[in-house]
C-alpha atoms as a PDB file:
ATOM      1  CA  MET A   1      35.238  18.088  28.132  1.00  0.00           C
ATOM      2  CA  ASN A   2      36.018  14.686  29.884  1.00  0.00           C
ATOM      3  CA  PRO A   3      35.441  11.158  28.394  1.00  0.00           C
ATOM      4  CA  ARG A   4      32.289  10.763  30.418  1.00  0.00           C
ATOM      5  CA  ASP A   5      30.778  13.664  29.595  1.00  0.00           C
ATOM      6  CA  GLU A   6      31.716  13.356  25.731  1.00  0.00           C
ATOM      7  CA  LEU A   7      30.247   9.874  25.624  1.00  0.00           C
ATOM      8  CA  ALA A   8      26.932  11.457  27.286  1.00  0.00           C
ATOM      9  CA  GLY A   9      26.524  13.898  24.623  1.00  0.00           C
ATOM     10  CA  TYR A  10      27.293  10.951  22.371  1.00  0.00           C
ATOM     11  CA  VAL A  11      24.298   8.925  24.210  1.00  0.00           C
ATOM     12  CA  ALA A  12      21.751  11.894  24.087  1.00  0.00           C
ATOM     13  CA  LEU A  13      23.059  12.367  20.027  1.00  0.00           C
ATOM     14  CA  GLN A  14      22.006   8.592  19.684  1.00  0.00           C
ATOM     15  CA  ARG A  15      18.840   8.813  21.343  1.00  0.00           C
ATOM     16  CA  LEU A  16      17.762  11.978  19.888  1.00  0.00           C
ATOM     17  CA  LEU A  17      18.466  10.313  16.015  1.00  0.00           C
ATOM     18  CA  ASP A  18      16.931   7.082  16.911  1.00  0.00           C
ATOM     19  CA  ARG A  19      13.855   9.189  18.169  1.00  0.00           C
ATOM     20  CA  ARG A  20      13.682  11.217  15.276  1.00  0.00           C
ATOM     21  CA  SER A  21      13.755   8.367  13.232  1.00  0.00           C
ATOM     22  CA  ALA A  22      10.806   6.661  15.070  1.00  0.00           C
ATOM     23  CA  LEU A  23       8.826   9.999  14.917  1.00  0.00           C
ATOM     24  CA  GLN A  24       9.348  10.071  10.871  1.00  0.00           C
ATOM     25  CA  ARG A  25       8.616   6.563  10.362  1.00  0.00           C
ATOM     26  CA  GLU A  26       5.368   7.193  12.413  1.00  0.00           C
ATOM     27  CA  ARG A  27       4.692  10.635  10.379  1.00  0.00           C
ATOM     28  CA  ASP A  28       5.160   9.063   6.827  1.00  0.00           C
ATOM     29  CA  THR A  29       3.392   5.608   7.545  1.00  0.00           C
ATOM     30  CA  PRO A  30       0.150   4.713   8.321  1.00  0.00           C
ATOM     31  CA  PRO A  31      -0.935   2.302  10.329  1.00  0.00           C
ATOM     32  CA  ASP A  32      -2.168  -1.372   9.276  1.00  0.00           C
ATOM     33  CA  GLU A  33      -5.613  -0.619  10.268  1.00  0.00           C
ATOM     34  CA  LEU A  34      -5.805   2.216   7.920  1.00  0.00           C
ATOM     35  CA  VAL A  35      -3.909   0.981   5.433  1.00  0.00           C
ATOM     36  CA  THR A  36      -6.352  -2.054   5.077  1.00  0.00           C
ATOM     37  CA  LEU A  37      -9.220   0.252   4.809  1.00  0.00           C
ATOM     38  CA  ARG A  38      -7.806   2.319   2.093  1.00  0.00           C
ATOM     39  CA  THR A  39      -7.251  -0.797   0.167  1.00  0.00           C
ATOM     40  CA  ARG A  40     -10.178  -2.164   0.548  1.00  0.00           C
ATOM     41  CA  PHE A  41     -11.908   1.512  -0.410  1.00  0.00           C
ATOM     42  CA  ALA A  42      -9.504   1.525  -3.312  1.00  0.00           C
ATOM     43  CA  GLU A  43     -10.738  -2.188  -4.417  1.00  0.00           C
ATOM     44  CA  ARG A  44     -13.864  -1.256  -3.985  1.00  0.00           C
ATOM     45  CA  HIS A  45     -14.055   1.646  -6.532  1.00  0.00           C
ATOM     46  CA  GLU A  46     -11.472  -0.090  -8.745  1.00  0.00           C
ATOM     47  CA  ALA A  47     -14.277  -3.050  -9.072  1.00  0.00           C
ATOM     48  CA  LEU A  48     -16.792  -0.491  -9.302  1.00  0.00           C
ATOM     49  CA  ALA A  49     -15.218   1.049 -12.253  1.00  0.00           C
ATOM     50  CA  ASP A  50     -14.305  -2.315 -13.770  1.00  0.00           C
ATOM     51  CA  ARG A  51     -18.169  -3.215 -13.536  1.00  0.00           C
ATOM     52  CA  GLN A  52     -19.288   0.079 -14.961  1.00  0.00           C
ATOM     53  CA  GLN A  53     -17.051   0.054 -17.827  1.00  0.00           C
ATOM     54  CA  ARG A  54     -18.460  -3.835 -19.002  1.00  0.00           C
ATOM     55  CA  ARG A  55     -22.083  -2.363 -18.503  1.00  0.00           C
ATOM     56  CA  ASP A  56     -21.425   0.708 -20.619  1.00  0.00           C
ATOM     57  CA  ILE A  57     -19.774  -2.112 -23.543  1.00  0.00           C
ATOM     58  CA  LEU A  58     -22.933  -3.865 -23.314  1.00  0.00           C
ATOM     59  CA  GLN A  59     -25.115  -1.468 -23.075  1.00  0.00           C
ATOM     60  CA  LYS A  60     -23.299  -0.003 -26.223  1.00  0.00           C
ATOM     61  CA  GLU A  61     -23.465  -4.040 -27.753  1.00  0.00           C
ATOM     62  CA  GLN A  62     -27.273  -4.462 -26.707  1.00  0.00           C
ATOM     63  CA  PRO A  63     -29.446  -2.476 -28.999  1.00  0.00           C
ATOM     64  CA  ALA A  64     -27.329  -3.134 -32.053  1.00  0.00           C
ATOM     65  CA  LEU A  65     -27.862  -7.097 -31.536  1.00  0.00           C
ATOM     66  CA  GLN A  66     -31.582  -6.373 -30.885  1.00  0.00           C
ATOM     67  CA  ARG A  67     -31.424  -4.459 -34.156  1.00  0.00           C
ATOM     68  CA  GLU A  68     -29.903  -7.627 -35.949  1.00  0.00           C
ATOM     69  CA  VAL A  69     -32.008  -9.530 -34.215  1.00  0.00           C
ATOM     70  CA  GLU A  70     -35.200  -7.881 -35.482  1.00  0.00           C
ATOM     71  CA  ALA A  71     -33.793  -7.653 -39.238  1.00  0.00           C
ATOM     72  CA  LEU A  72     -33.122 -11.702 -39.655  1.00  0.00           C
ATOM     73  CA  ARG A  73     -36.515 -12.491 -38.012  1.00  0.00           C
ATOM     74  CA  GLU A  74     -37.352 -10.155 -40.989  1.00  0.00           C
ATOM     75  CA  GLU A  75     -35.559 -12.059 -43.720  1.00  0.00           C
ATOM     76  CA  ARG A  76     -36.867 -15.188 -42.022  1.00  0.00           C
ATOM     77  CA  GLU A  77     -40.239 -14.502 -42.522  1.00  0.00           C
ATOM     78  CA  HIS A  78     -39.770 -13.059 -46.101  1.00  0.00           C
ATOM     79  CA  PHE A  79     -37.800 -17.026 -46.861  1.00  0.00           C
ATOM     80  CA  ARG A  80     -40.733 -18.587 -45.278  1.00  0.00           C
ATOM     81  CA  LYS A  81     -43.314 -16.936 -47.234  1.00  0.00           C
ATOM     82  CA  GLN A  82     -41.299 -17.434 -50.703  1.00  0.00           C
ATOM     83  CA  LYS A  83     -40.947 -21.551 -49.822  1.00  0.00           C
ATOM     84  CA  SER A  84     -44.717 -21.192 -49.566  1.00  0.00           C
ATOM     85  CA  GLN A  85     -44.558 -19.714 -53.068  1.00  0.00           C
ATOM     86  CA  VAL A  86     -42.014 -21.817 -55.010  1.00  0.00           C
ATOM     87  CA  THR A  87     -42.874 -23.891 -57.719  1.00  0.00           C
ATOM     88  CA  ASN A  88     -40.032 -26.411 -58.191  1.00  0.00           C
ATOM     89  CA  MET A  89     -37.461 -28.407 -56.576  1.00  0.00           C
ATOM     90  CA  LYS A  90     -34.591 -26.475 -57.323  1.00  0.00           C
ATOM     91  CA  GLN A  91     -36.383 -23.250 -55.939  1.00  0.00           C
ATOM     92  CA  LEU A  92     -37.359 -24.912 -52.951  1.00  0.00           C
ATOM     93  CA  SER A  93     -34.013 -25.927 -52.103  1.00  0.00           C
ATOM     94  CA  ALA A  94     -32.319 -22.607 -52.595  1.00  0.00           C
ATOM     95  CA  VAL A  95     -34.894 -21.178 -50.066  1.00  0.00           C
ATOM     96  CA  VAL A  96     -34.143 -23.892 -47.886  1.00  0.00           C
ATOM     97  CA  SER A  97     -30.824 -23.136 -47.998  1.00  0.00           C
ATOM     98  CA  GLU A  98     -30.816 -19.378 -47.408  1.00  0.00           C
ATOM     99  CA  LEU A  99     -33.764 -20.100 -43.924  1.00  0.00           C
ATOM    100  CA  ASP A 100     -31.170 -22.479 -42.675  1.00  0.00           C
ATOM    101  CA  HIS A 101     -28.498 -19.973 -42.960  1.00  0.00           C
ATOM    102  CA  VAL A 102     -30.449 -17.136 -41.366  1.00  0.00           C
ATOM    103  CA  GLU A 103     -32.469 -19.214 -38.517  1.00  0.00           C
ATOM    104  CA  SER A 104     -28.388 -20.230 -37.467  1.00  0.00           C
ATOM    105  CA  GLN A 105     -27.583 -16.795 -37.467  1.00  0.00           C
ATOM    106  CA  LEU A 106     -30.965 -15.449 -35.350  1.00  0.00           C
ATOM    107  CA  LYS A 107     -30.107 -18.297 -33.214  1.00  0.00           C
ATOM    108  CA  ALA A 108     -26.735 -17.117 -32.824  1.00  0.00           C
ATOM    109  CA  LYS A 109     -27.752 -13.115 -31.764  1.00  0.00           C
ATOM    110  CA  GLU A 110     -31.015 -14.279 -29.726  1.00  0.00           C
ATOM    111  CA  GLU A 111     -28.098 -16.544 -27.770  1.00  0.00           C
ATOM    112  CA  ARG A 112     -25.680 -13.638 -27.472  1.00  0.00           C
ATOM    113  CA  LEU A 113     -28.649 -11.272 -26.632  1.00  0.00           C
ATOM    114  CA  PHE A 114     -30.065 -13.177 -24.182  1.00  0.00           C
ATOM    115  CA  VAL A 115     -26.568 -13.682 -22.406  1.00  0.00           C
ATOM    116  CA  VAL A 116     -25.695  -9.420 -22.269  1.00  0.00           C
ATOM    117  CA  TRP A 117     -29.593  -9.178 -20.848  1.00  0.00           C
ATOM    118  CA  GLN A 118     -28.348 -11.485 -18.169  1.00  0.00           C
ATOM    119  CA  GLU A 119     -25.112 -10.046 -17.817  1.00  0.00           C
ATOM    120  CA  LEU A 120     -26.464  -6.771 -17.574  1.00  0.00           C
ATOM    121  CA  GLU A 121     -28.908  -7.576 -14.964  1.00  0.00           C
ATOM    122  CA  ALA A 122     -26.007  -8.729 -12.561  1.00  0.00           C
ATOM    123  CA  LEU A 123     -23.577  -5.637 -13.346  1.00  0.00           C
ATOM    124  CA  GLU A 124     -26.431  -3.692 -12.547  1.00  0.00           C
ATOM    125  CA  LYS A 125     -27.233  -5.350  -9.145  1.00  0.00           C
ATOM    126  CA  GLU A 126     -23.122  -5.126  -8.528  1.00  0.00           C
ATOM    127  CA  VAL A 127     -22.537  -1.424  -9.587  1.00  0.00           C
ATOM    128  CA  THR A 128     -25.217  -0.492  -6.652  1.00  0.00           C
ATOM    129  CA  GLU A 129     -23.831  -2.647  -4.229  1.00  0.00           C
ATOM    130  CA  LEU A 130     -20.315  -1.321  -4.657  1.00  0.00           C
ATOM    131  CA  SER A 131     -21.940   2.309  -4.757  1.00  0.00           C
ATOM    132  CA  ALA A 132     -23.342   1.910  -1.669  1.00  0.00           C
ATOM    133  CA  GLU A 133     -20.379   2.172   1.123  1.00  0.00           C
ATOM    134  CA  SER A 134     -22.548   1.525   3.900  1.00  0.00           C
ATOM    135  CA  PRO A 135     -22.501   3.919   7.207  1.00  0.00           C
ATOM    136  CA  GLU A 136     -20.616   2.068   9.063  1.00  0.00           C
ATOM    137  CA  GLU A 137     -18.013   1.256   6.611  1.00  0.00           C
ATOM    138  CA  ARG A 138     -17.509   4.874   6.087  1.00  0.00           C
ATOM    139  CA  SER A 139     -17.466   5.804   9.831  1.00  0.00           C
ATOM    140  CA  VAL A 140     -14.888   3.636  10.592  1.00  0.00           C
ATOM    141  CA  ARG A 141     -12.573   4.998   7.565  1.00  0.00           C
ATOM    142  CA  GLU A 142     -12.991   8.639   8.536  1.00  0.00           C
ATOM    143  CA  LEU A 143     -12.512   8.326  11.949  1.00  0.00           C
ATOM    144  CA  ALA A 144      -9.363   6.427  11.039  1.00  0.00           C
ATOM    145  CA  GLU A 145      -8.433   9.215   8.606  1.00  0.00           C
ATOM    146  CA  VAL A 146      -8.653  11.414  11.447  1.00  0.00           C
ATOM    147  CA  GLU A 147      -6.635   9.679  14.149  1.00  0.00           C
ATOM    148  CA  TRP A 148      -3.867   9.246  11.248  1.00  0.00           C
ATOM    149  CA  ASP A 149      -3.846  12.996  10.813  1.00  0.00           C
ATOM    150  CA  ARG A 150      -3.833  13.853  14.346  1.00  0.00           C
ATOM    151  CA  ARG A 151      -0.989  11.147  14.925  1.00  0.00           C
ATOM    152  CA  ARG A 152       0.971  12.977  12.146  1.00  0.00           C
ATOM    153  CA  LEU A 153       0.676  16.733  13.568  1.00  0.00           C
ATOM    154  CA  ALA A 154       1.595  15.302  17.317  1.00  0.00           C
ATOM    155  CA  ALA A 155       4.556  13.288  15.120  1.00  0.00           C
ATOM    156  CA  ASP A 156       5.468  16.633  13.316  1.00  0.00           C
ATOM    157  CA  THR A 157       5.468  18.830  16.526  1.00  0.00           C
ATOM    158  CA  GLU A 158       7.553  15.963  18.314  1.00  0.00           C
ATOM    159  CA  LEU A 159       9.799  16.472  15.389  1.00  0.00           C
ATOM    160  CA  THR A 160      10.404  19.893  15.690  1.00  0.00           C
ATOM    161  CA  ALA A 161      11.470  19.587  19.529  1.00  0.00           C
ATOM    162  CA  VAL A 162      13.765  16.688  18.479  1.00  0.00           C
ATOM    163  CA  ARG A 163      15.362  19.030  15.569  1.00  0.00           C
ATOM    164  CA  ARG A 164      15.924  21.647  18.043  1.00  0.00           C
ATOM    165  CA  SER A 165      17.427  19.494  20.695  1.00  0.00           C
ATOM    166  CA  LEU A 166      19.586  17.975  17.962  1.00  0.00           C
ATOM    167  CA  LYS A 167      20.861  21.587  17.391  1.00  0.00           C
ATOM    168  CA  GLU A 168      21.341  22.314  20.806  1.00  0.00           C
ATOM    169  CA  ALA A 169      23.496  19.078  21.541  1.00  0.00           C
ATOM    170  CA  ARG A 170      25.611  19.581  18.595  1.00  0.00           C
ATOM    171  CA  THR A 171      26.277  22.749  20.032  1.00  0.00           C
ATOM    172  CA  GLN A 172      27.054  21.828  23.510  1.00  0.00           C
ATOM    173  CA  LEU A 173      29.627  18.940  21.998  1.00  0.00           C
ATOM    174  CA  GLY A 174      31.572  21.628  20.186  1.00  0.00           C
ATOM    175  CA  PRO A 175      33.124  21.264  16.904  1.00  0.00           C
ATOM    176  CA  SER A 176      35.859  18.709  17.713  1.00  0.00           C
ATOM    177  CA  SER A 177      33.304  16.020  19.734  1.00  0.00           C
ATOM    178  CA  TRP A 178      30.409  16.798  16.967  1.00  0.00           C
ATOM    179  CA  ALA A 179      33.375  16.103  14.079  1.00  0.00           C
ATOM    180  CA  ARG A 180      34.114  12.740  15.837  1.00  0.00           C
ATOM    181  CA  PHE A 181      30.602  11.482  16.129  1.00  0.00           C
ATOM    182  CA  GLU A 182      29.575  12.880  12.883  1.00  0.00           C
ATOM    183  CA  LYS A 183      32.517  10.520  11.319  1.00  0.00           C
ATOM    184  CA  LEU A 184      31.171   7.542  13.240  1.00  0.00           C
ATOM    185  CA  TRP A 185      27.716   7.885  12.583  1.00  0.00           C
ATOM    186  CA  GLY A 186      28.617   8.095   8.383  1.00  0.00           C
ATOM    187  CA  ILE A 187      30.021   4.645   9.019  1.00  0.00           C
ATOM    188  CA  ARG A 188      27.901   2.675  11.505  1.00  0.00           C
ATOM    189  CA  LYS A 189      24.021   4.589  11.219  1.00  0.00           C
ATOM    190  CA  PRO A 190      21.811   4.504  12.436  1.00  0.00           C
ATOM    191  CA  ASN A 191      23.276   2.654  15.209  1.00  0.00           C
ATOM    192  CA  ALA A 192      26.610   4.561  15.884  1.00  0.00           C
ATOM    193  CA  VAL A 193      26.323   4.306  19.992  1.00  0.00           C
ATOM    194  CA  VAL A 194      24.814   1.018  21.320  1.00  0.00           C
ATOM    195  CA  PRO A 195      24.532  -0.068  25.156  1.00  0.00           C
ATOM    196  CA  LEU A 196      26.052  -3.204  26.408  1.00  0.00           C
ATOM    197  CA  ASP A 197      23.998  -6.471  26.389  1.00  0.00           C
ATOM    198  CA  GLY A 198      25.598  -7.626  29.319  1.00  0.00           C
ATOM    199  CA  THR A 199      29.180  -8.618  28.176  1.00  0.00           C
ATOM    200  CA  SER A 200      27.985  -8.308  24.798  1.00  0.00           C
ATOM    201  CA  CYS A 201      28.028  -5.663  21.931  1.00  0.00           C
ATOM    202  CA  SER A 202      23.868  -4.808  21.490  1.00  0.00           C
ATOM    203  CA  ALA A 203      24.418  -3.805  18.033  1.00  0.00           C
ATOM    204  CA  CYS A 204      26.506  -6.983  16.522  1.00  0.00           C
ATOM    205  CA  HIS A 205      26.076  -9.710  19.157  1.00  0.00           C
ATOM    206  CA  ALA A 206      29.808 -10.214  19.952  1.00  0.00           C
ATOM    207  CA  GLU A 207      31.126 -11.221  23.152  1.00  0.00           C
ATOM    208  CA  LEU A 208      33.390  -8.617  24.800  1.00  0.00           C
ATOM    209  CA  ARG A 209      36.593  -9.072  26.272  1.00  0.00           C
ATOM    210  CA  PRO A 210      36.006  -8.574  30.322  1.00  0.00           C
ATOM    211  CA  ALA A 211      38.522  -5.590  30.198  1.00  0.00           C
ATOM    212  CA  LEU A 212      36.947  -3.773  27.889  1.00  0.00           C
ATOM    213  CA  VAL A 213      33.387  -4.425  29.720  1.00  0.00           C
ATOM    214  CA  GLN A 214      34.522  -2.709  32.461  1.00  0.00           C
ATOM    215  CA  LEU A 215      36.457  -0.292  30.903  1.00  0.00           C
ATOM    216  CA  VAL A 216      32.762   0.543  28.973  1.00  0.00           C
ATOM    217  CA  ARG A 217      31.317   0.100  32.513  1.00  0.00           C
ATOM    218  CA  ALA A 218      33.908   2.303  34.277  1.00  0.00           C
ATOM    219  CA  ALA A 219      32.996   5.224  31.648  1.00  0.00           C
ATOM    220  CA  ALA A 220      36.396   6.887  32.127  1.00  0.00           C
ATOM    221  CA  SER A 221      37.694   6.311  28.328  1.00  0.00           C
ATOM    222  CA  LEU A 222      35.610   6.022  24.710  1.00  0.00           C
ATOM    223  CA  GLU A 223      35.773   2.583  24.207  1.00  0.00           C
ATOM    224  CA  THR A 224      34.495   0.841  21.128  1.00  0.00           C
ATOM    225  CA  CYS A 225      33.415  -2.439  19.974  1.00  0.00           C
ATOM    226  CA  GLU A 226      36.591  -5.199  18.340  1.00  0.00           C
ATOM    227  CA  SER A 227      34.037  -6.537  16.178  1.00  0.00           C
ATOM    228  CA  CYS A 228      32.001  -3.703  14.658  1.00  0.00           C
ATOM    229  CA  ARG A 229      33.799  -0.692  15.512  1.00  0.00           C
ATOM    230  CA  ARG A 230      30.709   0.734  17.325  1.00  0.00           C
ATOM    231  CA  LEU A 231      30.676   3.372  20.588  1.00  0.00           C
ATOM    232  CA  LEU A 232      30.438   1.011  23.551  1.00  0.00           C
ATOM    233  CA  TYR A 233      27.959   2.574  26.917  1.00  0.00           C
ATOM    234  CA  ASP A 234      26.729   0.938  30.095  1.00  0.00           C
ATOM    235  CA  GLY A 235      23.242   1.875  29.868  1.00  0.00           C
ATOM    236  CA  GLU A 236      23.007   1.460  34.104  1.00  0.00           C
ATOM    237  CA  GLN A 237      25.536   4.503  33.891  1.00  0.00           C
ATOM    238  CA  PHE A 238      23.611   6.326  31.270  1.00  0.00           C
ATOM    239  CA  PRO A 239      19.536   5.379  31.928  1.00  0.00           C
ATOM    240  CA  ALA A 240      17.425   6.890  29.495  1.00  0.00           C
ATOM    241  CA  PRO A 241      15.092  10.304  30.439  1.00  0.00           C
END
């Protein structure tokens, strides 16, 4: 195999490998729009679960508070009756002290119960809103998922073809040329074979000697960048198919 044909094989291999990488990224990386929709949907469900959990806690606390409030109200009435029946200042002082203590507890429990009622009312509204994904939102999300599935299927189909082409290219190169490429690829992947960028290497951007540029353009030998050691070719000599 002459150097030009060998170089052409290497260029084809590099392009196939580039395409394989691009297809793998396309297959494995959902588009930004879908990521945004999925994130929004997940955040909605996370917020819904958080509100539901908080609602459950308050719904358990509320009846317990109501029972405590009712018990304290009964106790307050008890001490009020006692207050009206005392016969001396010592008894009155003791009953008033107990009554003040009960009223203080009752006030705190009633305030807490009112806060719980308010929070439960707000939570019920939020749970209702978060539970209801609008038809428009659901349609947009489902269409994005369908389009993503279609793109992944197309990428998988093309990947199969690219892998088959890689096997064919390896066979056409032959064992020795393939071994040379494999060694270069192992050191310089994902770009082992790169085109000229004017008179520079397109990978490391090093300015090349004029004589080296001419040798690369002539394609009569295999030439590498003196800076990054990647194999060079002239894109005009080997245009993409």
